[in-house]
Amino acid sequence: MQSASQPENRNSQSPEVKSASDEVGILLAELSQRNTKDVMGHEALRVLRLLWPSVFRVSSPRPLKIGIDKDIAATGKIPQEFIKIGLRCYTRLDQYLESTRVGRARIGLDGKGHGKVRLDEAVNADLMLYDRYLRKNPPRAFVGQLRLATETEKNQPTY
């Protein structure tokens, strides 16, 4: 039995391509049957990752070209609603935001550079990361701060 499966693995290049496109078709059929509000971001992102695996790398993301949504829509492979959901999920990943640094090259669907990250874009990414950090780790009030706050409330005149 093992020898029978080995020849299939040697010629696995074309079946993998067919299986990826088949998987995309199946996913799109499943997602199209649901309301767009019920489509999860990771599901739409999976479609993008299957079609362009070198561009949408979750483990080591690179900043995307400005207007890549129009390029994806021009291919006609994915409905516009799923493009929006998938890109929102991808560009809000912590790893993606951390990769958005000033001067870093942006990539398009072809994998080539298309512009660079500007300062304001990098600052916005840092602010989003900092906001998430503060939500997970709220600032703590120390006993001295609480005592000072209660003492100032006592000394406030009441009207």
N, C-alpha and C. Protein backbone atom coordinates (compact mmCIF):
# COMPACT_ATOMS: atom_id res chain seq x y z
N MET A 1 0.82 -1.20 0.00
CA MET A 1 0.00 0.00 0.00
C MET A 1 0.86 1.25 0.00
N GLN A 2 1.96 1.23 0.71
CA GLN A 2 2.80 2.41 0.76
C GLN A 2 3.41 2.71 -0.60
N SER A 3 3.79 1.68 -1.35
CA SER A 3 4.40 1.92 -2.64
C SER A 3 3.38 2.49 -3.62
N ALA A 4 2.12 2.16 -3.46
CA ALA A 4 1.09 2.69 -4.35
C ALA A 4 0.86 4.18 -4.10
N SER A 5 1.05 4.64 -2.87
CA SER A 5 0.83 6.06 -2.59
C SER A 5 2.04 6.90 -2.92
N GLN A 6 3.21 6.30 -3.04
CA GLN A 6 4.41 7.08 -3.34
C GLN A 6 4.38 7.72 -4.73
N PRO A 7 3.94 7.04 -5.80
CA PRO A 7 3.89 7.71 -7.09
C PRO A 7 2.96 8.91 -7.10
N GLU A 8 1.90 8.87 -6.32
CA GLU A 8 1.00 10.03 -6.27
C GLU A 8 1.70 11.22 -5.65
N ASN A 9 2.56 11.00 -4.66
CA ASN A 9 3.26 12.09 -4.01
C ASN A 9 4.30 12.71 -4.93
N ARG A 10 4.89 11.93 -5.83
CA ARG A 10 5.88 12.47 -6.75
C ARG A 10 5.26 13.45 -7.74
N ASN A 11 4.05 13.18 -8.15
CA ASN A 11 3.35 14.05 -9.08
C ASN A 11 2.35 14.94 -8.35
N SER A 12 2.73 15.39 -7.18
CA SER A 12 1.79 16.12 -6.34
C SER A 12 1.67 17.59 -6.71
N GLN A 13 2.48 18.08 -7.65
CA GLN A 13 2.43 19.50 -7.94
C GLN A 13 1.10 19.89 -8.58
N SER A 14 0.66 19.20 -9.59
CA SER A 14 -0.60 19.56 -10.23
C SER A 14 -1.82 19.24 -9.37
N PRO A 15 -1.88 18.10 -8.62
CA PRO A 15 -3.04 17.90 -7.76
C PRO A 15 -3.16 18.94 -6.65
N GLU A 16 -2.03 19.46 -6.14
CA GLU A 16 -2.10 20.49 -5.10
C GLU A 16 -2.72 21.75 -5.65
N VAL A 17 -2.35 22.10 -6.89
CA VAL A 17 -2.92 23.30 -7.51
C VAL A 17 -4.41 23.10 -7.71
N LYS A 18 -4.79 21.92 -8.18
CA LYS A 18 -6.22 21.65 -8.38
C LYS A 18 -6.96 21.63 -7.05
N SER A 19 -6.35 21.05 -6.03
CA SER A 19 -7.03 20.98 -4.74
C SER A 19 -7.18 22.36 -4.11
N ALA A 20 -6.20 23.26 -4.30
CA ALA A 20 -6.32 24.62 -3.77
C ALA A 20 -7.45 25.36 -4.48
N SER A 21 -7.52 25.24 -5.80
CA SER A 21 -8.59 25.94 -6.52
C SER A 21 -9.95 25.30 -6.20
N ASP A 22 -9.96 23.98 -6.02
CA ASP A 22 -11.20 23.32 -5.62
C ASP A 22 -11.63 23.78 -4.24
N GLU A 23 -10.66 23.91 -3.33
CA GLU A 23 -10.97 24.35 -1.98
C GLU A 23 -11.50 25.78 -1.98
N VAL A 24 -10.93 26.63 -2.82
CA VAL A 24 -11.41 28.01 -2.94
C VAL A 24 -12.85 28.00 -3.44
N GLY A 25 -13.13 27.19 -4.45
CA GLY A 25 -14.49 27.11 -4.97
C GLY A 25 -15.47 26.64 -3.93
N ILE A 26 -15.09 25.63 -3.17
CA ILE A 26 -15.96 25.11 -2.11
C ILE A 26 -16.19 26.16 -1.04
N LEU A 27 -15.11 26.83 -0.61
CA LEU A 27 -15.25 27.87 0.42
C LEU A 27 -16.13 29.01 -0.06
N LEU A 28 -15.92 29.46 -1.30
CA LEU A 28 -16.73 30.56 -1.82
C LEU A 28 -18.19 30.15 -1.94
N ALA A 29 -18.44 28.90 -2.31
CA ALA A 29 -19.83 28.43 -2.40
C ALA A 29 -20.49 28.43 -1.03
N GLU A 30 -19.74 27.98 -0.01
CA GLU A 30 -20.28 27.97 1.35
C GLU A 30 -20.52 29.38 1.87
N LEU A 31 -19.55 30.27 1.62
CA LEU A 31 -19.68 31.64 2.12
C LEU A 31 -20.78 32.40 1.39
N SER A 32 -20.99 32.11 0.12
CA SER A 32 -22.01 32.81 -0.66
C SER A 32 -23.41 32.48 -0.20
N GLN A 33 -23.58 31.32 0.41
CA GLN A 33 -24.90 30.92 0.89
C GLN A 33 -25.29 31.64 2.17
N ARG A 34 -24.31 32.22 2.85
CA ARG A 34 -24.59 32.89 4.12
C ARG A 34 -24.70 34.40 3.93
N ASN A 35 -25.29 35.04 4.89
CA ASN A 35 -25.35 36.49 4.94
C ASN A 35 -23.93 37.01 5.17
N THR A 36 -23.56 38.12 4.55
CA THR A 36 -22.19 38.64 4.69
C THR A 36 -21.87 39.01 6.14
N LYS A 37 -22.89 39.31 6.94
CA LYS A 37 -22.64 39.62 8.35
C LYS A 37 -22.24 38.39 9.14
N ASP A 38 -22.58 37.21 8.61
CA ASP A 38 -22.24 35.97 9.28
C ASP A 38 -20.90 35.38 8.84
N VAL A 39 -20.26 35.99 7.86
CA VAL A 39 -18.97 35.50 7.37
C VAL A 39 -17.88 35.99 8.31
N MET A 40 -17.11 35.06 8.83
CA MET A 40 -16.03 35.39 9.75
C MET A 40 -14.82 35.88 8.96
N GLY A 41 -14.04 36.75 9.58
CA GLY A 41 -12.86 37.29 8.92
C GLY A 41 -11.86 36.23 8.54
N HIS A 42 -11.66 35.25 9.42
CA HIS A 42 -10.66 34.23 9.13
C HIS A 42 -11.09 33.35 7.96
N GLU A 43 -12.40 33.22 7.73
CA GLU A 43 -12.87 32.44 6.59
C GLU A 43 -12.57 33.17 5.28
N ALA A 44 -12.84 34.46 5.23
CA ALA A 44 -12.55 35.24 4.03
C ALA A 44 -11.04 35.34 3.82
N LEU A 45 -10.29 35.46 4.92
CA LEU A 45 -8.83 35.52 4.80
C LEU A 45 -8.27 34.21 4.27
N ARG A 46 -8.88 33.11 4.62
CA ARG A 46 -8.42 31.81 4.12
C ARG A 46 -8.53 31.74 2.60
N VAL A 47 -9.58 32.31 2.04
CA VAL A 47 -9.73 32.34 0.59
C VAL A 47 -8.58 33.14 -0.03
N LEU A 48 -8.28 34.30 0.55
CA LEU A 48 -7.17 35.12 0.05
C LEU A 48 -5.85 34.38 0.16
N ARG A 49 -5.65 33.68 1.27
CA ARG A 49 -4.40 32.95 1.48
C ARG A 49 -4.25 31.79 0.51
N LEU A 50 -5.35 31.15 0.16
CA LEU A 50 -5.29 30.04 -0.80
C LEU A 50 -4.96 30.54 -2.21
N LEU A 51 -5.50 31.71 -2.57
CA LEU A 51 -5.26 32.24 -3.90
C LEU A 51 -3.88 32.89 -4.03
N TRP A 52 -3.43 33.58 -3.00
CA TRP A 52 -2.14 34.28 -3.04
C TRP A 52 -1.35 33.97 -1.78
N PRO A 53 -0.80 32.76 -1.67
CA PRO A 53 -0.11 32.36 -0.43
C PRO A 53 1.16 33.15 -0.15
N SER A 54 1.83 33.65 -1.17
CA SER A 54 3.07 34.39 -0.93
C SER A 54 2.81 35.82 -0.47
N VAL A 55 1.61 36.33 -0.72
CA VAL A 55 1.28 37.70 -0.32
C VAL A 55 0.66 37.74 1.06
N PHE A 56 -0.26 36.83 1.33
CA PHE A 56 -1.00 36.83 2.60
C PHE A 56 -0.40 35.79 3.54
N ARG A 57 0.77 36.10 4.05
CA ARG A 57 1.45 35.21 5.01
C ARG A 57 1.14 35.72 6.42
N VAL A 58 0.50 34.90 7.20
CA VAL A 58 0.12 35.32 8.55
C VAL A 58 1.32 35.26 9.49
N SER A 59 2.20 34.29 9.30
CA SER A 59 3.33 34.14 10.22
C SER A 59 4.37 35.25 10.04
N SER A 60 4.56 35.72 8.82
CA SER A 60 5.50 36.81 8.58
C SER A 60 4.91 37.76 7.53
N PRO A 61 3.91 38.55 7.96
CA PRO A 61 3.23 39.43 7.00
C PRO A 61 4.10 40.60 6.56
N ARG A 62 3.79 41.10 5.38
CA ARG A 62 4.44 42.29 4.85
C ARG A 62 3.35 43.31 4.53
N PRO A 63 3.65 44.59 4.64
CA PRO A 63 2.63 45.61 4.34
C PRO A 63 2.12 45.46 2.90
N LEU A 64 0.82 45.60 2.74
CA LEU A 64 0.19 45.46 1.44
C LEU A 64 0.15 46.78 0.69
N LYS A 65 0.13 46.67 -0.62
CA LYS A 65 0.04 47.82 -1.51
C LYS A 65 -1.24 48.59 -1.23
N ILE A 66 -1.17 49.90 -1.30
CA ILE A 66 -2.36 50.73 -1.18
C ILE A 66 -3.24 50.45 -2.40
N GLY A 67 -4.48 50.11 -2.19
CA GLY A 67 -5.39 49.81 -3.29
C GLY A 67 -5.35 48.36 -3.75
N ILE A 68 -4.80 47.47 -2.92
CA ILE A 68 -4.74 46.06 -3.32
C ILE A 68 -6.14 45.46 -3.44
N ASP A 69 -7.11 46.04 -2.75
CA ASP A 69 -8.48 45.55 -2.86
C ASP A 69 -9.01 45.70 -4.28
N LYS A 70 -8.62 46.77 -4.96
CA LYS A 70 -9.04 46.97 -6.35
C LYS A 70 -8.36 45.96 -7.27
N ASP A 71 -7.11 45.63 -6.98
CA ASP A 71 -6.40 44.62 -7.78
C ASP A 71 -7.04 43.25 -7.61
N ILE A 72 -7.43 42.92 -6.38
CA ILE A 72 -8.07 41.63 -6.13
C ILE A 72 -9.43 41.59 -6.81
N ALA A 73 -10.18 42.68 -6.73
CA ALA A 73 -11.50 42.73 -7.37
C ALA A 73 -11.37 42.62 -8.89
N ALA A 74 -10.29 43.18 -9.46
CA ALA A 74 -10.09 43.13 -10.90
C ALA A 74 -9.86 41.70 -11.39
N THR A 75 -9.36 40.83 -10.53
CA THR A 75 -9.16 39.44 -10.94
C THR A 75 -10.48 38.72 -11.11
N GLY A 76 -11.51 39.15 -10.38
CA GLY A 76 -12.83 38.54 -10.48
C GLY A 76 -12.94 37.20 -9.79
N LYS A 77 -11.99 36.85 -8.97
CA LYS A 77 -12.00 35.55 -8.31
C LYS A 77 -12.82 35.53 -7.03
N ILE A 78 -12.97 36.70 -6.40
CA ILE A 78 -13.63 36.79 -5.10
C ILE A 78 -14.65 37.94 -5.15
N PRO A 79 -15.82 37.76 -4.57
CA PRO A 79 -16.78 38.87 -4.48
C PRO A 79 -16.23 39.99 -3.58
N GLN A 80 -16.63 41.20 -3.88
CA GLN A 80 -16.13 42.39 -3.19
C GLN A 80 -16.35 42.33 -1.68
N GLU A 81 -17.48 41.77 -1.22
CA GLU A 81 -17.76 41.73 0.21
C GLU A 81 -16.73 40.89 0.95
N PHE A 82 -16.33 39.77 0.35
CA PHE A 82 -15.36 38.89 1.00
C PHE A 82 -13.97 39.49 0.99
N ILE A 83 -13.66 40.27 -0.05
CA ILE A 83 -12.37 40.95 -0.11
C ILE A 83 -12.24 41.90 1.08
N LYS A 84 -13.28 42.68 1.29
CA LYS A 84 -13.29 43.66 2.38
C LYS A 84 -13.13 42.98 3.74
N ILE A 85 -13.88 41.90 3.95
CA ILE A 85 -13.83 41.19 5.23
C ILE A 85 -12.45 40.57 5.44
N GLY A 86 -11.91 39.92 4.42
CA GLY A 86 -10.61 39.26 4.54
C GLY A 86 -9.47 40.25 4.76
N LEU A 87 -9.49 41.35 4.02
CA LEU A 87 -8.42 42.35 4.19
C LEU A 87 -8.50 43.01 5.56
N ARG A 88 -9.70 43.26 6.04
CA ARG A 88 -9.84 43.85 7.37
C ARG A 88 -9.25 42.92 8.43
N CYS A 89 -9.53 41.64 8.30
CA CYS A 89 -8.99 40.66 9.25
C CYS A 89 -7.47 40.62 9.18
N TYR A 90 -6.91 40.62 7.98
CA TYR A 90 -5.46 40.51 7.80
C TYR A 90 -4.73 41.76 8.29
N THR A 91 -5.25 42.93 7.93
CA THR A 91 -4.54 44.17 8.28
C THR A 91 -4.70 44.57 9.74
N ARG A 92 -5.56 43.89 10.47
CA ARG A 92 -5.70 44.18 11.90
C ARG A 92 -4.98 43.16 12.78
N LEU A 93 -4.29 42.21 12.16
CA LEU A 93 -3.49 41.27 12.94
C LEU A 93 -2.34 42.00 13.63
N ASP A 94 -2.01 41.59 14.84
CA ASP A 94 -0.89 42.20 15.54
C ASP A 94 0.40 42.08 14.74
N GLN A 95 0.62 40.92 14.13
CA GLN A 95 1.85 40.70 13.36
C GLN A 95 1.92 41.66 12.17
N TYR A 96 0.78 41.90 11.53
CA TYR A 96 0.76 42.83 10.40
C TYR A 96 1.07 44.24 10.87
N LEU A 97 0.44 44.66 11.96
CA LEU A 97 0.67 46.01 12.47
C LEU A 97 2.12 46.19 12.91
N GLU A 98 2.72 45.14 13.49
CA GLU A 98 4.12 45.22 13.88
C GLU A 98 5.04 45.30 12.67
N SER A 99 4.63 44.74 11.55
CA SER A 99 5.46 44.77 10.34
C SER A 99 5.36 46.11 9.61
N THR A 100 4.40 46.93 9.98
CA THR A 100 4.21 48.22 9.31
C THR A 100 5.16 49.24 9.93
N ARG A 101 6.33 49.34 9.33
CA ARG A 101 7.37 50.25 9.81
C ARG A 101 7.72 51.26 8.71
N VAL A 102 8.18 52.42 9.10
CA VAL A 102 8.49 53.49 8.15
C VAL A 102 9.52 53.01 7.14
N GLY A 103 9.23 53.25 5.87
CA GLY A 103 10.17 52.93 4.80
C GLY A 103 10.13 51.49 4.32
N ARG A 104 9.36 50.63 4.97
CA ARG A 104 9.29 49.23 4.54
C ARG A 104 8.48 49.15 3.25
N ALA A 105 8.92 48.30 2.35
CA ALA A 105 8.27 48.17 1.04
C ALA A 105 6.90 47.50 1.18
N ARG A 106 5.95 48.01 0.43
CA ARG A 106 4.63 47.41 0.35
C ARG A 106 4.62 46.45 -0.84
N ILE A 107 3.85 45.37 -0.75
CA ILE A 107 3.83 44.41 -1.84
C ILE A 107 2.43 44.33 -2.46
N GLY A 108 2.42 44.01 -3.75
CA GLY A 108 1.18 43.82 -4.48
C GLY A 108 0.91 42.34 -4.68
N LEU A 109 -0.09 42.02 -5.47
CA LEU A 109 -0.44 40.63 -5.72
C LEU A 109 0.66 39.88 -6.45
N ASP A 110 1.50 40.61 -7.19
CA ASP A 110 2.60 39.98 -7.89
C ASP A 110 3.80 39.70 -6.99
N GLY A 111 3.75 40.15 -5.75
CA GLY A 111 4.84 39.92 -4.80
C GLY A 111 5.96 40.94 -4.90
N LYS A 112 5.84 41.90 -5.79
CA LYS A 112 6.86 42.93 -5.98
C LYS A 112 6.50 44.18 -5.18
N GLY A 113 7.49 45.02 -4.96
CA GLY A 113 7.30 46.24 -4.19
C GLY A 113 6.45 47.26 -4.92
N HIS A 114 5.56 47.90 -4.19
CA HIS A 114 4.69 48.96 -4.73
C HIS A 114 4.59 50.05 -3.67
N GLY A 115 5.59 50.88 -3.59
CA GLY A 115 5.58 51.98 -2.63
C GLY A 115 6.15 51.56 -1.29
N LYS A 116 6.20 52.53 -0.39
CA LYS A 116 6.76 52.30 0.94
C LYS A 116 5.78 52.81 1.99
N VAL A 117 5.96 52.31 3.21
CA VAL A 117 5.12 52.73 4.34
C VAL A 117 5.53 54.14 4.75
N ARG A 118 4.54 55.02 4.87
CA ARG A 118 4.80 56.40 5.29
C ARG A 118 4.80 56.49 6.82
N LEU A 119 5.31 57.60 7.33
CA LEU A 119 5.40 57.81 8.77
C LEU A 119 4.03 57.78 9.44
N ASP A 120 3.05 58.46 8.86
CA ASP A 120 1.73 58.49 9.49
C ASP A 120 1.09 57.11 9.54
N GLU A 121 1.33 56.28 8.55
CA GLU A 121 0.79 54.92 8.55
C GLU A 121 1.44 54.07 9.64
N ALA A 122 2.74 54.23 9.81
CA ALA A 122 3.45 53.48 10.84
C ALA A 122 3.02 53.94 12.24
N VAL A 123 2.81 55.23 12.40
CA VAL A 123 2.35 55.76 13.69
C VAL A 123 0.95 55.25 14.01
N ASN A 124 0.06 55.21 13.00
CA ASN A 124 -1.29 54.68 13.23
C ASN A 124 -1.24 53.22 13.64
N ALA A 125 -0.36 52.45 13.02
CA ALA A 125 -0.22 51.04 13.39
C ALA A 125 0.26 50.91 14.84
N ASP A 126 1.23 51.74 15.21
CA ASP A 126 1.72 51.71 16.59
C ASP A 126 0.64 52.12 17.59
N LEU A 127 -0.17 53.09 17.24
CA LEU A 127 -1.26 53.52 18.12
C LEU A 127 -2.30 52.42 18.29
N MET A 128 -2.61 51.69 17.22
CA MET A 128 -3.55 50.57 17.33
C MET A 128 -3.00 49.49 18.25
N LEU A 129 -1.70 49.19 18.11
CA LEU A 129 -1.07 48.19 18.98
C LEU A 129 -1.06 48.65 20.43
N TYR A 130 -0.77 49.93 20.66
CA TYR A 130 -0.73 50.46 22.02
C TYR A 130 -2.13 50.44 22.64
N ASP A 131 -3.14 50.77 21.84
CA ASP A 131 -4.52 50.74 22.34
C ASP A 131 -4.90 49.32 22.74
N ARG A 132 -4.51 48.33 21.96
CA ARG A 132 -4.79 46.94 22.31
C ARG A 132 -4.05 46.54 23.58
N TYR A 133 -2.82 47.01 23.71
CA TYR A 133 -2.03 46.70 24.91
C TYR A 133 -2.72 47.27 26.14
N LEU A 134 -3.20 48.52 26.05
CA LEU A 134 -3.86 49.14 27.20
C LEU A 134 -5.17 48.45 27.54
N ARG A 135 -5.89 47.94 26.54
CA ARG A 135 -7.13 47.22 26.82
C ARG A 135 -6.85 45.90 27.54
N LYS A 136 -5.76 45.24 27.17
CA LYS A 136 -5.40 43.97 27.81
C LYS A 136 -4.76 44.20 29.17
N ASN A 137 -4.02 45.29 29.31
CA ASN A 137 -3.29 45.60 30.53
C ASN A 137 -3.64 47.01 30.99
N PRO A 138 -4.79 47.19 31.61
CA PRO A 138 -5.18 48.54 32.02
C PRO A 138 -4.22 49.08 33.07
N PRO A 139 -4.03 50.40 33.08
CA PRO A 139 -3.15 50.99 34.08
C PRO A 139 -3.69 50.74 35.48
N ARG A 140 -2.78 50.45 36.38
CA ARG A 140 -3.18 50.14 37.75
C ARG A 140 -3.02 51.38 38.63
N ALA A 141 -3.94 51.54 39.54
CA ALA A 141 -3.85 52.62 40.52
C ALA A 141 -3.19 52.06 41.77
N PHE A 142 -2.23 52.78 42.29
CA PHE A 142 -1.53 52.35 43.48
C PHE A 142 -2.18 52.98 44.71
N VAL A 143 -1.88 52.43 45.87
CA VAL A 143 -2.50 52.88 47.11
C VAL A 143 -2.27 54.36 47.33
N GLY A 144 -1.07 54.84 47.05
CA GLY A 144 -0.78 56.25 47.24
C GLY A 144 -1.63 57.12 46.34
N GLN A 145 -1.87 56.69 45.13
CA GLN A 145 -2.71 57.45 44.21
C GLN A 145 -4.16 57.46 44.69
N LEU A 146 -4.64 56.33 45.21
CA LEU A 146 -6.01 56.28 45.71
C LEU A 146 -6.18 57.18 46.92
N ARG A 147 -5.19 57.20 47.83
CA ARG A 147 -5.28 58.04 49.02
C ARG A 147 -5.31 59.51 48.61
N LEU A 148 -4.49 59.89 47.65
CA LEU A 148 -4.45 61.27 47.18
C LEU A 148 -5.79 61.65 46.55
N ALA A 149 -6.36 60.75 45.79
CA ALA A 149 -7.64 61.03 45.14
C ALA A 149 -8.75 61.21 46.16
N THR A 150 -8.79 60.39 47.20
CA THR A 150 -9.85 60.52 48.21
C THR A 150 -9.65 61.76 49.06
N GLU A 151 -8.39 62.13 49.33
CA GLU A 151 -8.14 63.34 50.13
C GLU A 151 -8.56 64.59 49.36
N THR A 152 -8.32 64.63 48.08
CA THR A 152 -8.72 65.82 47.31
C THR A 152 -10.23 65.91 47.21
N GLU A 153 -10.92 64.78 47.20
CA GLU A 153 -12.38 64.81 47.18
C GLU A 153 -12.93 65.35 48.50
N LYS A 154 -12.26 65.02 49.61
CA LYS A 154 -12.71 65.50 50.91
C LYS A 154 -12.53 67.01 51.03
N ASN A 155 -11.46 67.54 50.43
CA ASN A 155 -11.15 68.96 50.55
C ASN A 155 -11.94 69.81 49.56
N GLN A 156 -12.66 69.19 48.64
CA GLN A 156 -13.46 69.95 47.66
C GLN A 156 -14.69 70.55 48.36
N PRO A 157 -14.96 71.81 48.14
CA PRO A 157 -16.17 72.40 48.74
C PRO A 157 -17.41 71.83 48.04
N THR A 158 -18.44 71.64 48.81
CA THR A 158 -19.71 71.16 48.25
C THR A 158 -20.64 72.34 48.09
N TYR A 159 -21.39 72.34 47.05
CA TYR A 159 -22.29 73.46 46.77
C TYR A 159 -23.70 73.08 46.96
